[in-house]
C-alpha atoms as a PDB file:
ATOM      1  CA  MET A   1      83.284 -27.299 -29.759  1.00  0.00           C
ATOM      2  CA  SER A   2      80.429 -25.751 -31.306  1.00  0.00           C
ATOM      3  CA  ALA A   3      77.017 -25.872 -30.611  1.00  0.00           C
ATOM      4  CA  ASP A   4      74.120 -24.742 -32.367  1.00  0.00           C
ATOM      5  CA  PRO A   5      71.722 -23.510 -29.276  1.00  0.00           C
ATOM      6  CA  ASP A   6      68.381 -24.496 -31.557  1.00  0.00           C
ATOM      7  CA  CYS A   7      69.285 -28.112 -32.595  1.00  0.00           C
ATOM      8  CA  ILE A   8      67.867 -30.061 -30.488  1.00  0.00           C
ATOM      9  CA  PHE A   9      71.027 -33.347 -30.731  1.00  0.00           C
ATOM     10  CA  CYS A  10      73.193 -30.940 -29.598  1.00  0.00           C
ATOM     11  CA  LYS A  11      70.713 -29.990 -26.479  1.00  0.00           C
ATOM     12  CA  ILE A  12      70.701 -34.223 -26.422  1.00  0.00           C
ATOM     13  CA  ALA A  13      74.629 -34.121 -25.842  1.00  0.00           C
ATOM     14  CA  ALA A  14      74.536 -30.995 -23.990  1.00  0.00           C
ATOM     15  CA  GLY A  15      72.118 -33.508 -21.975  1.00  0.00           C
ATOM     16  CA  ARG A  16      69.474 -30.786 -21.577  1.00  0.00           C
ATOM     17  CA  ILE A  17      67.301 -33.367 -23.134  1.00  0.00           C
ATOM     18  CA  PRO A  18      67.343 -36.861 -21.846  1.00  0.00           C
ATOM     19  CA  ALA A  19      68.338 -40.108 -24.059  1.00  0.00           C
ATOM     20  CA  LYS A  20      69.013 -43.025 -23.528  1.00  0.00           C
ATOM     21  CA  LYS A  21      72.970 -43.152 -23.908  1.00  0.00           C
ATOM     22  CA  ALA A  22      74.428 -46.761 -25.229  1.00  0.00           C
ATOM     23  CA  TYR A  23      78.151 -44.577 -25.410  1.00  0.00           C
ATOM     24  CA  GLU A  24      79.632 -41.394 -24.493  1.00  0.00           C
ATOM     25  CA  ASP A  25      82.902 -39.870 -25.046  1.00  0.00           C
ATOM     26  CA  GLU A  26      85.282 -36.276 -25.458  1.00  0.00           C
ATOM     27  CA  GLU A  27      83.381 -36.280 -29.039  1.00  0.00           C
ATOM     28  CA  LEU A  28      80.651 -38.466 -29.764  1.00  0.00           C
ATOM     29  CA  LEU A  29      77.272 -39.594 -28.596  1.00  0.00           C
ATOM     30  CA  VAL A  30      75.390 -42.737 -28.848  1.00  0.00           C
ATOM     31  CA  PHE A  31      72.079 -43.248 -28.205  1.00  0.00           C
ATOM     32  CA  HIS A  32      68.503 -45.184 -29.064  1.00  0.00           C
ATOM     33  CA  ASP A  33      66.795 -43.646 -31.795  1.00  0.00           C
ATOM     34  CA  ILE A  34      63.169 -42.740 -30.573  1.00  0.00           C
ATOM     35  CA  HIS A  35      61.426 -43.871 -33.765  1.00  0.00           C
ATOM     36  CA  PRO A  36      63.426 -47.335 -34.681  1.00  0.00           C
ATOM     37  CA  TRP A  37      63.378 -48.930 -37.927  1.00  0.00           C
ATOM     38  CA  ALA A  38      65.125 -51.918 -35.836  1.00  0.00           C
ATOM     39  CA  PRO A  39      65.168 -54.140 -33.014  1.00  0.00           C
ATOM     40  CA  VAL A  40      68.794 -52.349 -32.161  1.00  0.00           C
ATOM     41  CA  HIS A  41      68.442 -49.029 -33.459  1.00  0.00           C
ATOM     42  CA  VAL A  42      71.118 -46.401 -31.961  1.00  0.00           C
ATOM     43  CA  LEU A  43      72.123 -42.877 -33.634  1.00  0.00           C
ATOM     44  CA  VAL A  44      76.031 -41.915 -33.596  1.00  0.00           C
ATOM     45  CA  ILE A  45      77.100 -38.342 -33.457  1.00  0.00           C
ATOM     46  CA  PRO A  46      79.446 -36.059 -32.733  1.00  0.00           C
ATOM     47  CA  LYS A  47      78.776 -33.381 -29.535  1.00  0.00           C
ATOM     48  CA  GLN A  48      80.143 -30.559 -32.210  1.00  0.00           C
ATOM     49  CA  HIS A  49      77.573 -29.181 -34.224  1.00  0.00           C
ATOM     50  CA  ILE A  50      77.917 -29.978 -37.921  1.00  0.00           C
ATOM     51  CA  GLU A  51      75.080 -30.139 -40.042  1.00  0.00           C
ATOM     52  CA  SER A  52      75.649 -32.883 -42.518  1.00  0.00           C
ATOM     53  CA  LEU A  53      78.029 -34.952 -44.094  1.00  0.00           C
ATOM     54  CA  ASP A  54      78.049 -32.328 -46.841  1.00  0.00           C
ATOM     55  CA  ALA A  55      79.837 -29.804 -44.259  1.00  0.00           C
ATOM     56  CA  VAL A  56      82.333 -31.915 -43.033  1.00  0.00           C
ATOM     57  CA  GLY A  57      85.691 -31.617 -44.061  1.00  0.00           C
ATOM     58  CA  PRO A  58      89.301 -32.864 -44.256  1.00  0.00           C
ATOM     59  CA  GLU A  59      89.691 -31.373 -40.148  1.00  0.00           C
ATOM     60  CA  HIS A  60      86.108 -34.035 -39.137  1.00  0.00           C
ATOM     61  CA  HIS A  61      87.862 -37.126 -40.528  1.00  0.00           C
ATOM     62  CA  ALA A  62      89.482 -38.084 -38.322  1.00  0.00           C
ATOM     63  CA  LEU A  63      85.586 -38.273 -36.243  1.00  0.00           C
ATOM     64  CA  LEU A  64      83.587 -39.832 -39.364  1.00  0.00           C
ATOM     65  CA  GLY A  65      86.410 -43.084 -38.913  1.00  0.00           C
ATOM     66  CA  ARG A  66      85.755 -43.408 -35.108  1.00  0.00           C
ATOM     67  CA  MET A  67      82.421 -42.757 -35.654  1.00  0.00           C
ATOM     68  CA  MET A  68      82.245 -45.528 -37.891  1.00  0.00           C
ATOM     69  CA  ALA A  69      84.731 -47.681 -37.091  1.00  0.00           C
ATOM     70  CA  LEU A  70      82.701 -47.774 -33.060  1.00  0.00           C
ATOM     71  CA  ALA A  71      79.530 -48.885 -35.200  1.00  0.00           C
ATOM     72  CA  PRO A  72      80.657 -52.595 -34.861  1.00  0.00           C
ATOM     73  CA  ARG A  73      81.704 -52.515 -31.077  1.00  0.00           C
ATOM     74  CA  LEU A  74      78.393 -51.001 -30.107  1.00  0.00           C
ATOM     75  CA  MET A  75      76.418 -54.060 -32.388  1.00  0.00           C
ATOM     76  CA  ARG A  76      78.340 -56.795 -30.583  1.00  0.00           C
ATOM     77  CA  GLU A  77      77.718 -54.653 -27.020  1.00  0.00           C
ATOM     78  CA  LEU A  78      74.196 -54.498 -27.595  1.00  0.00           C
ATOM     79  CA  GLY A  79      73.530 -57.815 -28.776  1.00  0.00           C
ATOM     80  CA  VAL A  80      73.239 -57.850 -32.577  1.00  0.00           C
ATOM     81  CA  VAL A  81      75.140 -60.862 -34.193  1.00  0.00           C
ATOM     82  CA  ASN A  82      74.291 -61.649 -37.567  1.00  0.00           C
ATOM     83  CA  GLY A  83      74.627 -58.489 -39.049  1.00  0.00           C
ATOM     84  CA  TYR A  84      73.624 -54.881 -39.117  1.00  0.00           C
ATOM     85  CA  ARG A  85      73.152 -51.076 -41.353  1.00  0.00           C
ATOM     86  CA  THR A  86      74.630 -48.202 -40.606  1.00  0.00           C
ATOM     87  CA  VAL A  87      72.851 -44.789 -43.676  1.00  0.00           C
ATOM     88  CA  VAL A  88      73.727 -41.316 -43.241  1.00  0.00           C
ATOM     89  CA  ASN A  89      70.857 -39.647 -44.401  1.00  0.00           C
ATOM     90  CA  VAL A  90      72.199 -35.983 -45.729  1.00  0.00           C
ATOM     91  CA  GLY A  91      69.956 -33.181 -46.582  1.00  0.00           C
ATOM     92  CA  ARG A  92      66.265 -33.190 -47.132  1.00  0.00           C
ATOM     93  CA  ASP A  93      65.699 -35.091 -50.007  1.00  0.00           C
ATOM     94  CA  GLY A  94      67.598 -37.548 -48.613  1.00  0.00           C
ATOM     95  CA  GLY A  95      66.174 -38.309 -45.451  1.00  0.00           C
ATOM     96  CA  GLN A  96      67.451 -36.185 -43.225  1.00  0.00           C
ATOM     97  CA  GLU A  97      64.852 -35.134 -40.679  1.00  0.00           C
ATOM     98  CA  VAL A  98      67.827 -33.853 -38.105  1.00  0.00           C
ATOM     99  CA  PRO A  99      70.326 -30.843 -39.335  1.00  0.00           C
ATOM    100  CA  HIS A 100      72.715 -31.931 -37.064  1.00  0.00           C
ATOM    101  CA  LEU A 101      75.903 -34.855 -38.769  1.00  0.00           C
ATOM    102  CA  HIS A 102      74.562 -38.424 -37.542  1.00  0.00           C
ATOM    103  CA  LEU A 103      74.724 -42.133 -38.447  1.00  0.00           C
ATOM    104  CA  HIS A 104      71.690 -44.392 -38.012  1.00  0.00           C
ATOM    105  CA  VAL A 105      73.667 -47.930 -36.819  1.00  0.00           C
ATOM    106  CA  MET A 106      70.596 -50.247 -37.315  1.00  0.00           C
ATOM    107  CA  GLY A 107      70.060 -54.149 -36.552  1.00  0.00           C
ATOM    108  CA  GLY A 108      68.687 -57.320 -34.851  1.00  0.00           C
ATOM    109  CA  PRO A 109      66.141 -59.761 -35.767  1.00  0.00           C
ATOM    110  CA  ARG A 110      63.891 -59.009 -40.044  1.00  0.00           C
ATOM    111  CA  PRO A 111      61.852 -58.513 -41.006  1.00  0.00           C
ATOM    112  CA  TRP A 112      62.337 -53.918 -40.066  1.00  0.00           C
ATOM    113  CA  ALA A 113      62.986 -54.009 -43.708  1.00  0.00           C
ATOM    114  CA  ARG A 114      62.475 -50.389 -44.522  1.00  0.00           C
ATOM    115  CA  GLY A 115      64.068 -47.711 -47.599  1.00  0.00           C
END
């Protein structure tokens, strides 16, 4: 599994930087965002370093499917019952702040909407 030694999400996935985990398996890690936009805001990341959605190839299709399929389960487990939002920012102009593929999953009582 590839990792970038300078990537903060790779360091979190490796356990070198602490995070409040919500889920973990061999391929994925889910942790709570340190700057949440909603009452419940988690990030779903592959443990493998993939810079962005632009870097995804056919070999990643199953992984992307697992990331998306995990969102409903996580929200139920975290008590979100009235809907949630999923967002993948791509590139600097797309709002991606960390160059490691990640899916934001946000929910909870409104008003928390931001862009």
